[in-house]
N, C-alpha and C. Protein backbone atom coordinates (compact mmCIF):
# COMPACT_ATOMS: atom_id res chain seq x y z
N MET A 1 -305.47 1.16 -31.03
CA MET A 1 -305.64 1.50 -32.44
C MET A 1 -304.31 2.07 -32.94
N ASP A 2 -303.87 1.59 -34.10
CA ASP A 2 -302.62 2.11 -34.64
C ASP A 2 -302.85 3.43 -35.38
N ILE A 3 -301.76 4.06 -35.73
CA ILE A 3 -301.86 5.41 -36.31
C ILE A 3 -302.57 5.40 -37.66
N ASN A 4 -302.37 4.38 -38.45
CA ASN A 4 -303.01 4.33 -39.76
C ASN A 4 -304.53 4.19 -39.64
N GLU A 5 -304.95 3.34 -38.70
CA GLU A 5 -306.39 3.19 -38.47
C GLU A 5 -307.00 4.49 -37.94
N ALA A 6 -306.28 5.16 -37.03
CA ALA A 6 -306.77 6.42 -36.49
C ALA A 6 -306.91 7.48 -37.58
N ILE A 7 -305.94 7.55 -38.46
CA ILE A 7 -306.00 8.53 -39.56
C ILE A 7 -307.14 8.19 -40.51
N ASP A 8 -307.33 6.90 -40.79
CA ASP A 8 -308.46 6.51 -41.65
C ASP A 8 -309.79 6.93 -41.04
N ARG A 9 -309.92 6.73 -39.73
CA ARG A 9 -311.17 7.12 -39.07
C ARG A 9 -311.33 8.65 -39.07
N TRP A 10 -310.23 9.37 -38.88
CA TRP A 10 -310.29 10.84 -38.91
C TRP A 10 -310.69 11.33 -40.30
N MET A 11 -310.13 10.69 -41.37
CA MET A 11 -310.45 11.10 -42.73
C MET A 11 -311.90 10.80 -43.09
N SER A 12 -312.45 9.72 -42.52
CA SER A 12 -313.85 9.40 -42.81
C SER A 12 -314.81 10.19 -41.93
N GLY A 13 -314.28 11.00 -41.01
CA GLY A 13 -315.13 11.84 -40.17
C GLY A 13 -315.57 11.20 -38.88
N GLU A 14 -315.08 10.00 -38.57
CA GLU A 14 -315.46 9.33 -37.33
C GLU A 14 -314.75 9.92 -36.12
N LEU A 15 -313.57 10.53 -36.33
CA LEU A 15 -312.81 11.13 -35.23
C LEU A 15 -312.59 12.61 -35.51
N THR A 16 -312.56 13.39 -34.44
CA THR A 16 -312.16 14.79 -34.58
C THR A 16 -310.64 14.86 -34.47
N VAL A 17 -310.09 16.05 -34.70
CA VAL A 17 -308.64 16.22 -34.60
C VAL A 17 -308.17 15.93 -33.18
N LYS A 18 -308.92 16.39 -32.19
CA LYS A 18 -308.55 16.14 -30.79
C LYS A 18 -308.58 14.65 -30.48
N GLU A 19 -309.59 13.95 -30.99
CA GLU A 19 -309.67 12.49 -30.78
C GLU A 19 -308.53 11.78 -31.49
N LEU A 20 -308.12 12.30 -32.64
CA LEU A 20 -306.98 11.74 -33.37
C LEU A 20 -305.71 11.88 -32.54
N TYR A 21 -305.53 13.07 -31.94
CA TYR A 21 -304.36 13.27 -31.09
C TYR A 21 -304.39 12.33 -29.88
N MET A 22 -305.57 12.16 -29.30
CA MET A 22 -305.70 11.27 -28.14
C MET A 22 -305.43 9.81 -28.53
N ALA A 23 -305.95 9.39 -29.69
CA ALA A 23 -305.80 8.01 -30.12
C ALA A 23 -304.34 7.66 -30.45
N THR A 24 -303.64 8.62 -31.01
CA THR A 24 -302.25 8.35 -31.41
C THR A 24 -301.25 8.69 -30.33
N GLY A 25 -301.63 9.55 -29.39
CA GLY A 25 -300.71 9.97 -28.36
C GLY A 25 -299.78 11.07 -28.83
N LEU A 26 -300.00 11.56 -30.03
CA LEU A 26 -299.16 12.63 -30.59
C LEU A 26 -299.86 13.96 -30.39
N ARG A 27 -299.09 15.06 -30.39
CA ARG A 27 -299.66 16.35 -30.02
C ARG A 27 -299.69 17.37 -31.15
N SER A 28 -299.20 17.02 -32.34
CA SER A 28 -299.23 17.99 -33.44
C SER A 28 -299.41 17.25 -34.76
N THR A 29 -299.84 18.00 -35.74
CA THR A 29 -300.01 17.44 -37.09
C THR A 29 -298.67 17.02 -37.67
N LYS A 30 -297.62 17.81 -37.39
CA LYS A 30 -296.29 17.47 -37.88
C LYS A 30 -295.81 16.15 -37.31
N SER A 31 -296.04 15.91 -36.02
CA SER A 31 -295.60 14.65 -35.42
C SER A 31 -296.38 13.47 -36.00
N ILE A 32 -297.66 13.67 -36.30
CA ILE A 32 -298.44 12.61 -36.96
C ILE A 32 -297.89 12.35 -38.35
N TYR A 33 -297.60 13.42 -39.08
CA TYR A 33 -297.03 13.28 -40.43
C TYR A 33 -295.70 12.53 -40.36
N ASP A 34 -294.84 12.91 -39.41
CA ASP A 34 -293.55 12.24 -39.26
C ASP A 34 -293.72 10.76 -38.94
N GLU A 35 -294.67 10.43 -38.08
CA GLU A 35 -294.92 9.05 -37.70
C GLU A 35 -295.41 8.23 -38.90
N VAL A 36 -296.32 8.80 -39.67
CA VAL A 36 -296.84 8.11 -40.86
C VAL A 36 -295.73 7.92 -41.88
N LEU A 37 -294.91 8.93 -42.08
CA LEU A 37 -293.81 8.82 -43.02
C LEU A 37 -292.81 7.76 -42.59
N ASN A 38 -292.51 7.72 -41.29
CA ASN A 38 -291.61 6.71 -40.76
C ASN A 38 -292.19 5.31 -40.95
N ASP A 39 -293.49 5.16 -40.70
CA ASP A 39 -294.15 3.88 -40.89
C ASP A 39 -294.07 3.44 -42.34
N ARG A 40 -294.26 4.38 -43.25
CA ARG A 40 -294.17 4.07 -44.68
C ARG A 40 -292.77 3.63 -45.06
N PHE A 41 -291.76 4.33 -44.55
CA PHE A 41 -290.37 3.95 -44.84
C PHE A 41 -290.06 2.56 -44.33
N GLU A 42 -290.55 2.22 -43.14
CA GLU A 42 -290.33 0.89 -42.57
C GLU A 42 -290.99 -0.18 -43.43
N ARG A 43 -292.22 0.08 -43.86
CA ARG A 43 -292.91 -0.91 -44.72
C ARG A 43 -292.21 -1.07 -46.06
N ASP A 44 -291.74 0.05 -46.65
CA ASP A 44 -291.01 -0.04 -47.91
C ASP A 44 -289.71 -0.82 -47.74
N ALA A 45 -289.04 -0.61 -46.62
CA ALA A 45 -287.79 -1.33 -46.36
C ALA A 45 -288.05 -2.83 -46.20
N GLU A 46 -289.13 -3.18 -45.51
CA GLU A 46 -289.47 -4.60 -45.34
C GLU A 46 -289.81 -5.24 -46.67
N ASN A 47 -290.51 -4.52 -47.52
CA ASN A 47 -290.91 -5.07 -48.82
C ASN A 47 -289.75 -5.20 -49.78
N SER A 48 -288.73 -4.36 -49.62
CA SER A 48 -287.62 -4.41 -50.57
C SER A 48 -286.48 -5.29 -50.10
N THR A 49 -286.56 -5.82 -48.90
CA THR A 49 -285.48 -6.65 -48.37
C THR A 49 -285.51 -8.02 -49.02
N TRP A 50 -284.35 -8.43 -49.51
CA TRP A 50 -284.21 -9.75 -50.11
C TRP A 50 -283.59 -10.68 -49.10
N GLY A 51 -284.05 -11.89 -49.07
CA GLY A 51 -283.45 -12.89 -48.21
C GLY A 51 -282.57 -13.81 -49.02
N TYR A 52 -281.93 -14.73 -48.33
CA TYR A 52 -281.07 -15.68 -49.03
C TYR A 52 -281.87 -16.55 -49.99
N GLY A 53 -283.11 -16.85 -49.62
CA GLY A 53 -283.95 -17.66 -50.51
C GLY A 53 -284.22 -16.95 -51.82
N ASP A 54 -284.42 -15.64 -51.76
CA ASP A 54 -284.65 -14.86 -52.97
C ASP A 54 -283.41 -14.86 -53.85
N ASP A 55 -282.24 -14.71 -53.22
CA ASP A 55 -280.99 -14.73 -53.99
C ASP A 55 -280.78 -16.08 -54.65
N ALA A 56 -281.07 -17.16 -53.91
CA ALA A 56 -280.89 -18.50 -54.46
C ALA A 56 -281.84 -18.74 -55.63
N ALA A 57 -283.07 -18.25 -55.51
CA ALA A 57 -284.04 -18.42 -56.60
C ALA A 57 -283.61 -17.63 -57.83
N GLU A 58 -283.08 -16.43 -57.61
CA GLU A 58 -282.62 -15.62 -58.74
C GLU A 58 -281.41 -16.27 -59.41
N GLU A 59 -280.48 -16.79 -58.60
CA GLU A 59 -279.30 -17.46 -59.17
C GLU A 59 -279.73 -18.72 -59.92
N ARG A 60 -280.68 -19.45 -59.38
CA ARG A 60 -281.17 -20.67 -60.03
C ARG A 60 -281.78 -20.32 -61.40
N ALA A 61 -282.58 -19.27 -61.46
CA ALA A 61 -283.20 -18.86 -62.72
C ALA A 61 -282.13 -18.46 -63.74
N LEU A 62 -281.11 -17.76 -63.28
CA LEU A 62 -280.02 -17.36 -64.18
C LEU A 62 -279.27 -18.58 -64.70
N LEU A 63 -278.96 -19.52 -63.82
CA LEU A 63 -278.25 -20.73 -64.26
C LEU A 63 -279.11 -21.57 -65.20
N GLU A 64 -280.41 -21.62 -64.96
CA GLU A 64 -281.29 -22.35 -65.88
C GLU A 64 -281.27 -21.71 -67.26
N ALA A 65 -281.33 -20.38 -67.29
CA ALA A 65 -281.29 -19.68 -68.58
C ALA A 65 -279.96 -19.94 -69.29
N MET A 66 -278.86 -19.92 -68.53
CA MET A 66 -277.54 -20.19 -69.13
C MET A 66 -277.47 -21.62 -69.66
N ALA A 67 -278.02 -22.56 -68.91
CA ALA A 67 -278.00 -23.96 -69.34
C ALA A 67 -278.82 -24.15 -70.61
N TRP A 68 -280.00 -23.54 -70.66
CA TRP A 68 -280.82 -23.67 -71.86
C TRP A 68 -280.15 -22.98 -73.05
N HIS A 69 -279.45 -21.89 -72.80
CA HIS A 69 -278.75 -21.21 -73.90
C HIS A 69 -277.62 -22.08 -74.45
N ARG A 70 -276.88 -22.71 -73.56
CA ARG A 70 -275.73 -23.50 -73.99
C ARG A 70 -276.12 -24.87 -74.55
N TRP A 71 -277.06 -25.54 -73.89
CA TRP A 71 -277.39 -26.91 -74.28
C TRP A 71 -278.86 -27.05 -74.71
N SER A 72 -279.39 -26.07 -75.42
CA SER A 72 -280.82 -26.07 -75.75
C SER A 72 -281.22 -27.28 -76.59
N ASP A 73 -280.40 -27.66 -77.56
CA ASP A 73 -280.77 -28.80 -78.41
C ASP A 73 -280.82 -30.09 -77.61
N TRP A 74 -279.86 -30.27 -76.71
CA TRP A 74 -279.82 -31.50 -75.92
C TRP A 74 -280.91 -31.49 -74.86
N LEU A 75 -281.12 -30.34 -74.19
CA LEU A 75 -282.15 -30.26 -73.15
C LEU A 75 -283.56 -30.36 -73.73
N ALA A 76 -283.73 -30.00 -74.99
CA ALA A 76 -285.04 -30.15 -75.63
C ALA A 76 -285.41 -31.64 -75.70
N GLU A 77 -284.41 -32.49 -75.89
CA GLU A 77 -284.66 -33.94 -75.95
C GLU A 77 -284.66 -34.57 -74.56
N GLU A 78 -283.83 -34.06 -73.65
CA GLU A 78 -283.68 -34.63 -72.31
C GLU A 78 -283.84 -33.55 -71.23
N PRO A 79 -285.04 -33.03 -71.00
CA PRO A 79 -285.22 -31.94 -70.03
C PRO A 79 -284.93 -32.35 -68.58
N GLY A 80 -284.90 -33.64 -68.31
CA GLY A 80 -284.62 -34.12 -66.96
C GLY A 80 -283.19 -33.88 -66.51
N TYR A 81 -282.32 -33.53 -67.45
CA TYR A 81 -280.91 -33.32 -67.12
C TYR A 81 -280.59 -31.86 -66.83
N LEU A 82 -281.59 -31.02 -66.63
CA LEU A 82 -281.37 -29.61 -66.35
C LEU A 82 -280.56 -29.41 -65.06
N ASP A 83 -280.87 -30.18 -64.02
CA ASP A 83 -280.12 -30.06 -62.77
C ASP A 83 -278.65 -30.42 -62.96
N ASN A 84 -278.38 -31.42 -63.78
CA ASN A 84 -276.99 -31.80 -64.06
C ASN A 84 -276.26 -30.68 -64.81
N CYS A 85 -276.95 -30.04 -65.73
CA CYS A 85 -276.35 -28.94 -66.48
C CYS A 85 -276.05 -27.76 -65.55
N ILE A 86 -276.96 -27.50 -64.63
CA ILE A 86 -276.73 -26.42 -63.66
C ILE A 86 -275.53 -26.75 -62.78
N ARG A 87 -275.42 -28.00 -62.35
CA ARG A 87 -274.27 -28.43 -61.55
C ARG A 87 -272.97 -28.26 -62.33
N MET A 88 -273.00 -28.59 -63.62
CA MET A 88 -271.80 -28.41 -64.45
C MET A 88 -271.43 -26.94 -64.56
N LEU A 89 -272.42 -26.07 -64.70
CA LEU A 89 -272.14 -24.63 -64.77
C LEU A 89 -271.53 -24.13 -63.46
N LYS A 90 -272.03 -24.59 -62.33
CA LYS A 90 -271.46 -24.20 -61.04
C LYS A 90 -270.02 -24.69 -60.90
N GLU A 91 -269.79 -25.93 -61.32
CA GLU A 91 -268.42 -26.48 -61.27
C GLU A 91 -267.49 -25.66 -62.15
N GLU A 92 -267.97 -25.29 -63.32
CA GLU A 92 -267.16 -24.49 -64.25
C GLU A 92 -266.84 -23.13 -63.64
N GLN A 93 -267.82 -22.50 -63.01
CA GLN A 93 -267.58 -21.21 -62.36
C GLN A 93 -266.56 -21.34 -61.23
N ALA A 94 -266.68 -22.39 -60.42
CA ALA A 94 -265.75 -22.61 -59.32
C ALA A 94 -264.34 -22.86 -59.85
N ARG A 95 -264.24 -23.63 -60.91
CA ARG A 95 -262.92 -23.92 -61.50
C ARG A 95 -262.30 -22.65 -62.07
N ARG A 96 -263.13 -21.83 -62.73
CA ARG A 96 -262.64 -20.60 -63.31
C ARG A 96 -262.13 -19.64 -62.24
N LEU A 97 -262.79 -19.62 -61.10
CA LEU A 97 -262.37 -18.76 -60.00
C LEU A 97 -261.24 -19.36 -59.17
N GLY A 98 -260.94 -20.63 -59.40
CA GLY A 98 -259.88 -21.28 -58.66
C GLY A 98 -260.30 -21.68 -57.25
N LEU A 99 -261.60 -21.81 -57.03
CA LEU A 99 -262.08 -22.12 -55.68
C LEU A 99 -261.74 -23.52 -55.24
N LYS A 100 -261.79 -24.47 -56.15
CA LYS A 100 -261.51 -25.85 -55.78
C LYS A 100 -260.08 -26.00 -55.30
N ALA A 101 -259.14 -25.35 -55.98
CA ALA A 101 -257.74 -25.43 -55.57
C ALA A 101 -257.53 -24.75 -54.22
N LYS A 102 -258.21 -23.63 -53.99
CA LYS A 102 -258.08 -22.93 -52.70
C LYS A 102 -258.65 -23.75 -51.56
N ILE A 103 -259.78 -24.39 -51.80
CA ILE A 103 -260.39 -25.22 -50.77
C ILE A 103 -259.52 -26.44 -50.48
N ALA A 104 -258.99 -27.07 -51.54
CA ALA A 104 -258.13 -28.22 -51.36
C ALA A 104 -256.85 -27.86 -50.62
N ALA A 105 -256.33 -26.66 -50.85
CA ALA A 105 -255.09 -26.22 -50.19
C ALA A 105 -255.30 -26.03 -48.69
N ARG A 106 -256.51 -25.71 -48.28
CA ARG A 106 -256.78 -25.52 -46.85
C ARG A 106 -256.79 -26.82 -46.08
N HIS A 107 -257.13 -27.91 -46.75
CA HIS A 107 -257.28 -29.20 -46.05
C HIS A 107 -256.02 -29.95 -46.10
């Protein structure tokens, strides 16, 4: 039984304090509190961690918004060209940063 389940059972009256200590393997209320707090911090950290997929989705949404802002009249008539507009925006960003020239210089 994990610590959260043990605490839930203790709060509902199914376990005594001594049984709670036995179930968790901890010997004081402070150590139980520290363990629960640590568990909460770990869960919060897992929930707030962004992966590369999340970054890519956020960048895609931003580029879509930029494309619609710049070419809204044209995209209203031809929405199938949104991917091409996003590609043009990426090319423009790379050109502005000079990435294409740097990459070409390496080869």
